[in-house]
Amino acid sequence: MALSTGTKNIKTAVFISGKGSNLKSLIKFSKLKKSPISIEIIISNNPKSKGLTFGKIYKIRKKIFNFDKHIKAEKEILKLLKKRKINLICLAGFMKILSKSFIQSFKGQILNIHPSLLPKYKGLNTHERAIDNKDSYSGCTVHFVSSKLDSGKIIDQKKVRIYKKDTLRTLANKVLAEEHKLYPEAILKIFSL
């Protein structure tokens, strides 16, 4: 899908569960002239998600859904996305797995950012696993979401060196800093010629 530069016609929803640092970097990116996206709504499964404050700061509509009733929540989200004419979902630290039927029902594209060099270390505790296995590198991946966990087509990756002195926290911080750069780059890559 090619877009002329400066058009902001990709209405985007960002799904979060936690601090929302990737959400913040996506919001900043969406304000740039070269950005093809406009963030219309923030969706969270966690009413205590710190990232929701960015909705207030940047005046972006936000909505919280209770995922205890997973099917009901997904139906309501789909209805909302359709109403808001959303055609891109960015998962940014969203800690719920979307069902196969949700993924198929949403007619746009769903992207996710994952804190490892996929296909290595799908799922959780990626930094711990990289350190335990004495890997020299870790990193992050932006990929399309498919119905298999962390298995969709890879769009882009960034590598991070793991040093002997690295701890879970230092590695997580290094990877997160790269995530903030990678997500916007991956979006530009998809929507450029």
N, C-alpha and C. Protein backbone atom coordinates (compact mmCIF):
# COMPACT_ATOMS: atom_id res chain seq x y z
N MET A 1 0.85 -1.19 0.00
CA MET A 1 0.00 0.00 0.00
C MET A 1 0.89 1.24 0.00
N ALA A 2 0.91 1.95 -1.10
CA ALA A 2 1.76 3.14 -1.19
C ALA A 2 0.96 4.38 -0.85
N LEU A 3 1.58 5.27 -0.16
CA LEU A 3 0.91 6.52 0.22
C LEU A 3 1.79 7.68 -0.15
N SER A 4 1.16 8.77 -0.54
CA SER A 4 1.98 9.95 -0.79
C SER A 4 2.41 10.52 0.55
N THR A 5 3.59 11.09 0.61
CA THR A 5 4.10 11.59 1.88
C THR A 5 3.22 12.71 2.40
N GLY A 6 3.11 12.75 3.70
CA GLY A 6 2.33 13.82 4.31
C GLY A 6 0.85 13.48 4.47
N THR A 7 0.39 12.35 3.90
CA THR A 7 -1.01 12.00 4.12
C THR A 7 -1.12 11.21 5.41
N LYS A 8 -2.14 11.51 6.18
CA LYS A 8 -2.33 10.80 7.46
C LYS A 8 -3.63 10.03 7.39
N ASN A 9 -3.73 9.16 6.38
CA ASN A 9 -5.01 8.52 6.21
C ASN A 9 -5.07 7.10 6.75
N ILE A 10 -4.08 6.70 7.53
CA ILE A 10 -4.15 5.37 8.12
C ILE A 10 -4.61 5.54 9.57
N LYS A 11 -5.90 5.33 9.77
CA LYS A 11 -6.46 5.50 11.11
C LYS A 11 -6.03 4.30 11.95
N THR A 12 -5.39 4.61 13.07
CA THR A 12 -4.71 3.58 13.85
C THR A 12 -5.25 3.50 15.27
N ALA A 13 -5.34 2.26 15.76
CA ALA A 13 -5.66 2.01 17.17
C ALA A 13 -4.41 1.38 17.79
N VAL A 14 -4.04 1.84 18.99
CA VAL A 14 -2.91 1.24 19.69
C VAL A 14 -3.45 0.51 20.92
N PHE A 15 -3.06 -0.77 21.06
CA PHE A 15 -3.50 -1.59 22.18
C PHE A 15 -2.37 -1.68 23.20
N ILE A 16 -2.66 -1.38 24.46
CA ILE A 16 -1.62 -1.42 25.50
C ILE A 16 -2.14 -2.14 26.75
N SER A 17 -1.19 -2.55 27.60
CA SER A 17 -1.55 -3.10 28.91
C SER A 17 -0.78 -2.44 30.04
N GLY A 18 0.35 -1.81 29.72
CA GLY A 18 1.24 -1.35 30.79
C GLY A 18 1.62 0.10 30.70
N LYS A 19 2.95 0.36 30.77
CA LYS A 19 3.48 1.73 30.87
C LYS A 19 3.24 2.57 29.62
N GLY A 20 3.15 1.92 28.48
CA GLY A 20 2.82 2.65 27.25
C GLY A 20 3.98 3.43 26.66
N SER A 21 5.23 2.99 26.89
CA SER A 21 6.35 3.76 26.32
C SER A 21 6.39 3.64 24.80
N ASN A 22 6.02 2.48 24.26
CA ASN A 22 5.94 2.36 22.79
C ASN A 22 4.77 3.17 22.25
N LEU A 23 3.70 3.24 23.01
CA LEU A 23 2.56 4.10 22.62
C LEU A 23 3.03 5.54 22.50
N LYS A 24 3.79 5.99 23.50
CA LYS A 24 4.27 7.38 23.49
C LYS A 24 5.14 7.63 22.26
N SER A 25 6.02 6.69 21.94
CA SER A 25 6.89 6.91 20.78
C SER A 25 6.07 6.87 19.48
N LEU A 26 5.02 6.06 19.43
CA LEU A 26 4.15 6.03 18.24
C LEU A 26 3.35 7.32 18.11
N ILE A 27 2.91 7.88 19.25
CA ILE A 27 2.17 9.16 19.20
C ILE A 27 3.10 10.24 18.65
N LYS A 28 4.33 10.30 19.18
CA LYS A 28 5.28 11.31 18.71
C LYS A 28 5.55 11.13 17.21
N PHE A 29 5.70 9.89 16.79
CA PHE A 29 5.92 9.58 15.38
C PHE A 29 4.72 10.04 14.54
N SER A 30 3.51 9.80 15.05
CA SER A 30 2.30 10.14 14.29
C SER A 30 2.17 11.64 14.05
N LYS A 31 2.87 12.44 14.87
CA LYS A 31 2.81 13.90 14.72
C LYS A 31 3.78 14.41 13.64
N LEU A 32 4.70 13.55 13.21
CA LEU A 32 5.68 13.98 12.20
C LEU A 32 5.03 14.05 10.82
N LYS A 33 5.56 14.92 10.01
CA LYS A 33 5.01 15.12 8.67
C LYS A 33 5.10 13.85 7.83
N LYS A 34 6.21 13.11 8.00
CA LYS A 34 6.41 11.91 7.16
C LYS A 34 5.56 10.71 7.61
N SER A 35 4.91 10.83 8.76
CA SER A 35 4.17 9.69 9.30
C SER A 35 2.85 9.46 8.56
N PRO A 36 2.58 8.20 8.16
CA PRO A 36 1.32 7.92 7.46
C PRO A 36 0.14 7.65 8.40
N ILE A 37 0.42 7.57 9.71
CA ILE A 37 -0.66 7.16 10.64
C ILE A 37 -1.21 8.32 11.45
N SER A 38 -2.48 8.16 11.82
CA SER A 38 -3.04 9.07 12.82
C SER A 38 -3.68 8.18 13.89
N ILE A 39 -3.27 8.37 15.13
CA ILE A 39 -3.75 7.51 16.21
C ILE A 39 -5.10 8.05 16.69
N GLU A 40 -6.13 7.24 16.48
CA GLU A 40 -7.50 7.65 16.77
C GLU A 40 -7.96 7.20 18.15
N ILE A 41 -7.42 6.06 18.58
CA ILE A 41 -7.91 5.50 19.84
C ILE A 41 -6.86 4.61 20.51
N ILE A 42 -6.88 4.63 21.84
CA ILE A 42 -6.00 3.75 22.64
C ILE A 42 -6.92 2.76 23.34
N ILE A 43 -6.59 1.49 23.20
CA ILE A 43 -7.40 0.43 23.82
C ILE A 43 -6.55 -0.31 24.83
N SER A 44 -7.12 -0.56 26.02
CA SER A 44 -6.38 -1.28 27.05
C SER A 44 -7.28 -2.30 27.73
N ASN A 45 -6.65 -3.36 28.21
CA ASN A 45 -7.37 -4.35 29.01
C ASN A 45 -7.15 -4.08 30.50
N ASN A 46 -6.37 -3.04 30.80
CA ASN A 46 -5.95 -2.79 32.18
C ASN A 46 -6.30 -1.35 32.58
N PRO A 47 -7.31 -1.17 33.45
CA PRO A 47 -7.70 0.18 33.86
C PRO A 47 -6.58 0.93 34.58
N LYS A 48 -5.58 0.19 35.10
CA LYS A 48 -4.46 0.83 35.83
C LYS A 48 -3.26 1.06 34.92
N SER A 49 -3.39 0.78 33.65
CA SER A 49 -2.29 0.96 32.70
C SER A 49 -1.82 2.42 32.71
N LYS A 50 -0.53 2.60 33.03
CA LYS A 50 0.03 3.97 33.07
C LYS A 50 -0.02 4.64 31.70
N GLY A 51 0.02 3.84 30.64
CA GLY A 51 -0.02 4.37 29.29
C GLY A 51 -1.28 5.15 28.96
N LEU A 52 -2.36 4.90 29.71
CA LEU A 52 -3.62 5.60 29.46
C LEU A 52 -3.48 7.11 29.67
N THR A 53 -2.49 7.50 30.49
CA THR A 53 -2.30 8.95 30.73
C THR A 53 -1.90 9.67 29.44
N PHE A 54 -1.26 8.94 28.50
CA PHE A 54 -0.89 9.57 27.23
C PHE A 54 -2.14 9.96 26.43
N GLY A 55 -3.23 9.22 26.64
CA GLY A 55 -4.49 9.58 26.00
C GLY A 55 -4.93 10.96 26.45
N LYS A 56 -4.79 11.17 27.75
CA LYS A 56 -5.17 12.47 28.34
C LYS A 56 -4.24 13.58 27.82
N ILE A 57 -2.94 13.32 27.90
CA ILE A 57 -1.94 14.32 27.51
C ILE A 57 -2.11 14.74 26.05
N TYR A 58 -2.29 13.74 25.17
CA TYR A 58 -2.33 14.04 23.73
C TYR A 58 -3.76 14.13 23.18
N LYS A 59 -4.73 14.10 24.09
CA LYS A 59 -6.16 14.21 23.70
C LYS A 59 -6.55 13.15 22.67
N ILE A 60 -6.22 11.91 23.01
CA ILE A 60 -6.62 10.78 22.15
C ILE A 60 -7.66 9.97 22.93
N ARG A 61 -8.73 9.62 22.29
CA ARG A 61 -9.79 8.85 22.93
C ARG A 61 -9.22 7.52 23.45
N LYS A 62 -9.67 7.10 24.62
CA LYS A 62 -9.20 5.82 25.15
C LYS A 62 -10.38 4.99 25.66
N LYS A 63 -10.22 3.67 25.61
CA LYS A 63 -11.30 2.79 26.03
C LYS A 63 -10.70 1.56 26.70
N ILE A 64 -11.30 1.17 27.81
CA ILE A 64 -10.82 -0.01 28.56
C ILE A 64 -11.84 -1.13 28.40
N PHE A 65 -11.34 -2.32 28.09
CA PHE A 65 -12.21 -3.48 27.93
C PHE A 65 -11.81 -4.56 28.92
N ASN A 66 -12.82 -5.20 29.50
CA ASN A 66 -12.57 -6.26 30.46
C ASN A 66 -12.41 -7.59 29.71
N PHE A 67 -11.20 -8.11 29.73
CA PHE A 67 -10.92 -9.34 28.99
C PHE A 67 -11.24 -10.61 29.77
N ASP A 68 -11.89 -10.46 30.94
CA ASP A 68 -12.36 -11.67 31.65
C ASP A 68 -13.41 -12.35 30.77
N LYS A 69 -14.17 -11.51 30.07
CA LYS A 69 -15.13 -12.04 29.09
C LYS A 69 -14.54 -11.75 27.70
N HIS A 70 -13.60 -12.60 27.34
CA HIS A 70 -12.77 -12.41 26.16
C HIS A 70 -13.58 -12.20 24.87
N ILE A 71 -14.52 -13.10 24.61
CA ILE A 71 -15.29 -13.05 23.35
C ILE A 71 -16.12 -11.77 23.29
N LYS A 72 -16.76 -11.44 24.40
CA LYS A 72 -17.58 -10.22 24.47
C LYS A 72 -16.70 -8.98 24.23
N ALA A 73 -15.55 -8.95 24.90
CA ALA A 73 -14.63 -7.80 24.76
C ALA A 73 -14.21 -7.64 23.31
N GLU A 74 -13.83 -8.76 22.67
CA GLU A 74 -13.37 -8.69 21.28
C GLU A 74 -14.48 -8.21 20.34
N LYS A 75 -15.70 -8.68 20.58
CA LYS A 75 -16.84 -8.23 19.74
C LYS A 75 -17.04 -6.73 19.87
N GLU A 76 -16.96 -6.23 21.10
CA GLU A 76 -17.15 -4.79 21.35
C GLU A 76 -16.02 -3.98 20.71
N ILE A 77 -14.80 -4.50 20.80
CA ILE A 77 -13.65 -3.80 20.19
C ILE A 77 -13.83 -3.73 18.68
N LEU A 78 -14.20 -4.86 18.07
CA LEU A 78 -14.39 -4.88 16.61
C LEU A 78 -15.44 -3.86 16.18
N LYS A 79 -16.52 -3.79 16.95
CA LYS A 79 -17.60 -2.84 16.65
C LYS A 79 -17.07 -1.40 16.70
N LEU A 80 -16.28 -1.13 17.74
CA LEU A 80 -15.70 0.21 17.91
C LEU A 80 -14.73 0.54 16.78
N LEU A 81 -13.89 -0.41 16.41
CA LEU A 81 -12.90 -0.19 15.35
C LEU A 81 -13.59 0.10 14.02
N LYS A 82 -14.68 -0.61 13.78
CA LYS A 82 -15.44 -0.41 12.54
C LYS A 82 -16.05 0.99 12.54
N LYS A 83 -16.63 1.35 13.67
CA LYS A 83 -17.28 2.66 13.79
C LYS A 83 -16.27 3.79 13.58
N ARG A 84 -15.07 3.61 14.10
CA ARG A 84 -14.03 4.64 14.00
C ARG A 84 -13.22 4.53 12.70
N LYS A 85 -13.61 3.56 11.85
CA LYS A 85 -12.93 3.33 10.55
C LYS A 85 -11.42 3.10 10.70
N ILE A 86 -11.08 2.29 11.70
CA ILE A 86 -9.67 1.96 11.97
C ILE A 86 -9.18 0.94 10.95
N ASN A 87 -8.01 1.20 10.33
CA ASN A 87 -7.48 0.19 9.41
C ASN A 87 -6.07 -0.30 9.76
N LEU A 88 -5.59 0.08 10.95
CA LEU A 88 -4.32 -0.47 11.43
C LEU A 88 -4.39 -0.58 12.95
N ILE A 89 -3.97 -1.74 13.46
CA ILE A 89 -3.84 -1.92 14.91
C ILE A 89 -2.36 -2.12 15.21
N CYS A 90 -1.86 -1.35 16.18
CA CYS A 90 -0.49 -1.56 16.67
C CYS A 90 -0.58 -2.09 18.09
N LEU A 91 -0.12 -3.31 18.28
CA LEU A 91 -0.05 -3.86 19.64
C LEU A 91 1.25 -3.36 20.24
N ALA A 92 1.16 -2.73 21.41
CA ALA A 92 2.35 -2.14 22.03
C ALA A 92 2.37 -2.54 23.50
N GLY A 93 2.88 -3.74 23.76
CA GLY A 93 2.87 -4.23 25.14
C GLY A 93 1.47 -4.63 25.57
N PHE A 94 0.69 -5.17 24.65
CA PHE A 94 -0.66 -5.64 24.95
C PHE A 94 -0.55 -7.09 25.38
N MET A 95 -0.92 -7.36 26.64
CA MET A 95 -0.63 -8.67 27.23
C MET A 95 -1.78 -9.67 27.13
N LYS A 96 -2.62 -9.50 26.14
CA LYS A 96 -3.69 -10.48 25.89
C LYS A 96 -3.51 -11.02 24.48
N ILE A 97 -3.83 -12.29 24.30
CA ILE A 97 -3.70 -12.88 22.97
C ILE A 97 -5.04 -12.73 22.26
N LEU A 98 -5.00 -12.12 21.09
CA LEU A 98 -6.22 -11.94 20.30
C LEU A 98 -6.60 -13.25 19.64
N SER A 99 -7.90 -13.55 19.62
CA SER A 99 -8.36 -14.82 19.06
C SER A 99 -8.21 -14.83 17.54
N LYS A 100 -8.20 -16.04 17.01
CA LYS A 100 -8.10 -16.23 15.56
C LYS A 100 -9.26 -15.53 14.87
N SER A 101 -10.45 -15.62 15.46
CA SER A 101 -11.62 -15.02 14.81
C SER A 101 -11.52 -13.49 14.84
N PHE A 102 -10.93 -12.91 15.90
CA PHE A 102 -10.74 -11.45 15.93
C PHE A 102 -9.79 -11.04 14.81
N ILE A 103 -8.69 -11.75 14.70
CA ILE A 103 -7.67 -11.43 13.69
C ILE A 103 -8.28 -11.52 12.28
N GLN A 104 -9.11 -12.54 12.06
CA GLN A 104 -9.74 -12.71 10.75
C GLN A 104 -10.85 -11.68 10.52
N SER A 105 -11.55 -11.30 11.57
CA SER A 105 -12.67 -10.36 11.43
C SER A 105 -12.19 -8.93 11.18
N PHE A 106 -11.01 -8.61 11.72
CA PHE A 106 -10.49 -7.26 11.50
C PHE A 106 -9.89 -7.22 10.11
N LYS A 107 -10.44 -6.37 9.28
CA LYS A 107 -10.04 -6.42 7.86
C LYS A 107 -8.78 -5.61 7.55
N GLY A 108 -8.24 -4.91 8.54
CA GLY A 108 -7.02 -4.13 8.30
C GLY A 108 -5.79 -4.97 8.60
N GLN A 109 -4.75 -4.30 9.08
CA GLN A 109 -3.52 -5.00 9.42
C GLN A 109 -3.28 -4.86 10.92
N ILE A 110 -2.71 -5.89 11.50
CA ILE A 110 -2.36 -5.86 12.92
C ILE A 110 -0.85 -6.08 13.03
N LEU A 111 -0.19 -5.14 13.72
CA LEU A 111 1.26 -5.24 13.93
C LEU A 111 1.53 -5.46 15.41
N ASN A 112 2.65 -6.09 15.68
CA ASN A 112 3.07 -6.27 17.07
C ASN A 112 4.56 -6.02 17.17
N ILE A 113 4.98 -5.52 18.33
CA ILE A 113 6.41 -5.41 18.59
C ILE A 113 6.75 -6.40 19.69
N HIS A 114 7.81 -7.17 19.47
CA HIS A 114 8.16 -8.26 20.38
C HIS A 114 9.61 -8.12 20.82
N PRO A 115 9.89 -8.28 22.13
CA PRO A 115 11.26 -8.06 22.63
C PRO A 115 12.22 -9.24 22.47
N SER A 116 12.32 -9.76 21.26
CA SER A 116 13.37 -10.74 20.95
C SER A 116 13.57 -10.73 19.43
N LEU A 117 14.61 -11.42 19.00
CA LEU A 117 14.84 -11.56 17.56
C LEU A 117 14.08 -12.80 17.09
N LEU A 118 12.81 -12.60 16.78
CA LEU A 118 12.00 -13.75 16.33
C LEU A 118 12.66 -14.39 15.11
N PRO A 119 12.51 -15.67 14.90
CA PRO A 119 11.64 -16.61 15.60
C PRO A 119 12.15 -17.10 16.96
N LYS A 120 13.25 -16.56 17.45
CA LYS A 120 13.77 -16.97 18.76
C LYS A 120 12.91 -16.36 19.86
N TYR A 121 12.61 -17.13 20.88
CA TYR A 121 11.95 -16.66 22.10
C TYR A 121 10.60 -16.00 21.87
N LYS A 122 9.68 -16.81 21.39
CA LYS A 122 8.28 -16.35 21.31
C LYS A 122 7.73 -16.33 22.72
N GLY A 123 6.67 -15.56 22.92
CA GLY A 123 6.03 -15.56 24.24
C GLY A 123 6.74 -14.66 25.24
N LEU A 124 6.72 -15.08 26.51
CA LEU A 124 7.18 -14.21 27.61
C LEU A 124 8.63 -14.49 28.04
N ASN A 125 9.12 -13.67 28.96
CA ASN A 125 10.45 -13.82 29.59
C ASN A 125 11.58 -13.89 28.57
N THR A 126 11.50 -13.08 27.55
CA THR A 126 12.47 -13.16 26.45
C THR A 126 13.88 -12.77 26.89
N HIS A 127 14.00 -11.75 27.73
CA HIS A 127 15.34 -11.28 28.15
C HIS A 127 16.00 -12.33 29.04
N GLU A 128 15.21 -12.89 29.94
CA GLU A 128 15.70 -13.94 30.84
C GLU A 128 16.23 -15.12 30.03
N ARG A 129 15.47 -15.52 29.03
CA ARG A 129 15.87 -16.67 28.21
C ARG A 129 17.15 -16.37 27.43
N ALA A 130 17.26 -15.15 26.90
CA ALA A 130 18.46 -14.77 26.14
C ALA A 130 19.70 -14.80 27.04
N ILE A 131 19.56 -14.27 28.27
CA ILE A 131 20.70 -14.25 29.21
C ILE A 131 21.03 -15.67 29.67
N ASP A 132 20.00 -16.45 30.02
CA ASP A 132 20.23 -17.83 30.48
C ASP A 132 20.94 -18.68 29.42
N ASN A 133 20.64 -18.40 28.15
CA ASN A 133 21.26 -19.17 27.06
C ASN A 133 22.59 -18.58 26.61
N LYS A 134 23.05 -17.56 27.34
CA LYS A 134 24.33 -16.90 27.05
C LYS A 134 24.41 -16.42 25.60
N ASP A 135 23.31 -15.88 25.09
CA ASP A 135 23.30 -15.34 23.73
C ASP A 135 24.19 -14.10 23.66
N SER A 136 24.80 -13.86 22.51
CA SER A 136 25.61 -12.65 22.31
C SER A 136 24.74 -11.47 21.95
N TYR A 137 23.57 -11.78 21.36
CA TYR A 137 22.68 -10.72 20.90
C TYR A 137 21.24 -11.01 21.30
N SER A 138 20.52 -9.94 21.52
CA SER A 138 19.07 -10.03 21.59
C SER A 138 18.55 -8.91 20.70
N GLY A 139 17.33 -8.48 20.92
CA GLY A 139 16.82 -7.39 20.10
C GLY A 139 15.31 -7.36 20.12
N CYS A 140 14.75 -6.77 19.07
CA CYS A 140 13.30 -6.67 18.98
C CYS A 140 12.86 -6.85 17.54
N THR A 141 11.60 -7.20 17.39
CA THR A 141 11.03 -7.53 16.09
C THR A 141 9.66 -6.88 15.96
N VAL A 142 9.40 -6.27 14.81
CA VAL A 142 8.03 -5.87 14.48
C VAL A 142 7.54 -6.86 13.44
N HIS A 143 6.36 -7.43 13.70
CA HIS A 143 5.83 -8.43 12.78
C HIS A 143 4.32 -8.28 12.62
N PHE A 144 3.81 -8.83 11.52
CA PHE A 144 2.37 -8.90 11.35
C PHE A 144 1.83 -9.95 12.32
N VAL A 145 0.63 -9.72 12.82
CA VAL A 145 0.03 -10.67 13.75
C VAL A 145 -0.73 -11.72 12.95
N SER A 146 -0.43 -12.98 13.27
CA SER A 146 -1.18 -14.09 12.67
C SER A 146 -1.82 -14.85 13.83
N SER A 147 -2.57 -15.89 13.51
CA SER A 147 -3.26 -16.60 14.59
C SER A 147 -2.31 -17.45 15.43
N LYS A 148 -1.07 -17.63 14.98
CA LYS A 148 -0.08 -18.35 15.81
C LYS A 148 0.78 -17.33 16.54
N LEU A 149 0.96 -17.52 17.83
CA LEU A 149 1.67 -16.57 18.69
C LEU A 149 3.05 -16.21 18.14
N ASP A 150 3.28 -14.90 17.97
CA ASP A 150 4.59 -14.37 17.55
C ASP A 150 5.16 -15.08 16.32
N SER A 151 4.28 -15.44 15.40
CA SER A 151 4.72 -16.21 14.22
C SER A 151 4.43 -15.52 12.89
N GLY A 152 3.84 -14.34 12.92
CA GLY A 152 3.49 -13.65 11.67
C GLY A 152 4.74 -13.17 10.93
N LYS A 153 4.53 -12.77 9.69
CA LYS A 153 5.63 -12.31 8.82
C LYS A 153 6.40 -11.16 9.48
N ILE A 154 7.72 -11.29 9.51
CA ILE A 154 8.59 -10.28 10.13
C ILE A 154 8.74 -9.09 9.18
N ILE A 155 8.57 -7.89 9.75
CA ILE A 155 8.71 -6.66 8.97
C ILE A 155 10.12 -6.09 9.13
N ASP A 156 10.59 -6.03 10.38
CA ASP A 156 11.92 -5.47 10.64
C ASP A 156 12.40 -5.88 12.02
N GLN A 157 13.72 -5.83 12.20
CA GLN A 157 14.33 -6.19 13.49
C GLN A 157 15.48 -5.25 13.82
N LYS A 158 15.78 -5.14 15.10
CA LYS A 158 16.99 -4.43 15.54
C LYS A 158 17.72 -5.31 16.54
N LYS A 159 19.04 -5.35 16.37
CA LYS A 159 19.88 -6.18 17.24
C LYS A 159 20.46 -5.36 18.38
N VAL A 160 20.63 -6.02 19.52
CA VAL A 160 21.26 -5.40 20.69
C VAL A 160 22.31 -6.37 21.20
N ARG A 161 23.48 -5.86 21.48
CA ARG A 161 24.57 -6.70 22.00
C ARG A 161 24.31 -7.03 23.46
N ILE A 162 24.52 -8.29 23.84
CA ILE A 162 24.41 -8.65 25.26
C ILE A 162 25.82 -8.81 25.81
N TYR A 163 26.12 -8.03 26.85
CA TYR A 163 27.44 -8.12 27.49
C TYR A 163 27.34 -8.96 28.75
N LYS A 164 28.49 -9.47 29.20
CA LYS A 164 28.51 -10.32 30.40
C LYS A 164 27.91 -9.59 31.61
N LYS A 165 28.12 -8.27 31.66
CA LYS A 165 27.63 -7.53 32.83
C LYS A 165 26.13 -7.20 32.76
N ASP A 166 25.52 -7.50 31.63
CA ASP A 166 24.09 -7.17 31.49
C ASP A 166 23.22 -7.98 32.44
N THR A 167 22.22 -7.28 32.99
CA THR A 167 21.22 -7.93 33.84
C THR A 167 19.90 -7.90 33.07
N LEU A 168 18.89 -8.52 33.63
CA LEU A 168 17.56 -8.48 33.00
C LEU A 168 17.14 -7.04 32.75
N ARG A 169 17.37 -6.19 33.76
CA ARG A 169 16.94 -4.80 33.66
C ARG A 169 17.72 -4.03 32.59
N THR A 170 19.05 -4.18 32.58
CA THR A 170 19.84 -3.41 31.60
C THR A 170 19.53 -3.87 30.18
N LEU A 171 19.34 -5.18 30.01
CA LEU A 171 19.01 -5.70 28.68
C LEU A 171 17.62 -5.21 28.26
N ALA A 172 16.67 -5.28 29.17
CA ALA A 172 15.30 -4.82 28.87
C ALA A 172 15.31 -3.35 28.46
N ASN A 173 16.09 -2.53 29.16
CA ASN A 173 16.16 -1.09 28.84
C ASN A 173 16.79 -0.85 27.48
N LYS A 174 17.84 -1.61 27.17
CA LYS A 174 18.50 -1.45 25.86
C LYS A 174 17.56 -1.84 24.73
N VAL A 175 16.85 -2.96 24.92
CA VAL A 175 15.93 -3.42 23.88
C VAL A 175 14.78 -2.43 23.72
N LEU A 176 14.27 -1.92 24.83
CA LEU A 176 13.15 -0.98 24.78
C LEU A 176 13.52 0.29 24.00
N ALA A 177 14.74 0.77 24.22
CA ALA A 177 15.20 1.97 23.50
C ALA A 177 15.18 1.71 21.99
N GLU A 178 15.56 0.49 21.59
CA GLU A 178 15.54 0.15 20.16
C GLU A 178 14.11 -0.02 19.65
N GLU A 179 13.23 -0.56 20.51
CA GLU A 179 11.82 -0.73 20.12
C GLU A 179 11.22 0.61 19.71
N HIS A 180 11.55 1.65 20.48
CA HIS A 180 10.99 2.98 20.22
C HIS A 180 11.38 3.50 18.84
N LYS A 181 12.56 3.09 18.35
CA LYS A 181 13.00 3.50 17.01
C LYS A 181 12.42 2.57 15.94
N LEU A 182 12.39 1.28 16.28
CA LEU A 182 12.02 0.27 15.29
C LEU A 182 10.56 0.35 14.86
N TYR A 183 9.65 0.57 15.81
CA TYR A 183 8.22 0.53 15.47
C TYR A 183 7.88 1.57 14.38
N PRO A 184 8.27 2.84 14.57
CA PRO A 184 7.99 3.81 13.51
C PRO A 184 8.66 3.45 12.17
N GLU A 185 9.90 2.95 12.25
CA GLU A 185 10.61 2.57 11.01
C GLU A 185 9.87 1.47 10.27
N ALA A 186 9.36 0.50 11.03
CA ALA A 186 8.64 -0.63 10.42
C ALA A 186 7.35 -0.15 9.77
N ILE A 187 6.67 0.80 10.41
CA ILE A 187 5.42 1.35 9.85
C ILE A 187 5.73 2.08 8.54
N LEU A 188 6.79 2.86 8.54
CA LEU A 188 7.19 3.57 7.31
C LEU A 188 7.51 2.58 6.21
N LYS A 189 8.17 1.50 6.59
CA LYS A 189 8.58 0.47 5.62
C LYS A 189 7.35 -0.15 4.95
N ILE A 190 6.32 -0.45 5.73
CA ILE A 190 5.11 -1.08 5.18
C ILE A 190 4.38 -0.14 4.23
N PHE A 191 4.29 1.11 4.64
CA PHE A 191 3.43 2.03 3.89
C PHE A 191 4.18 2.92 2.90
N SER A 192 5.45 2.58 2.66
CA SER A 192 6.16 3.32 1.61
C SER A 192 6.09 2.49 0.33
N LEU A 193 6.60 3.01 -0.74
CA LEU A 193 6.49 2.30 -2.03
C LEU A 193 7.11 0.92 -2.01
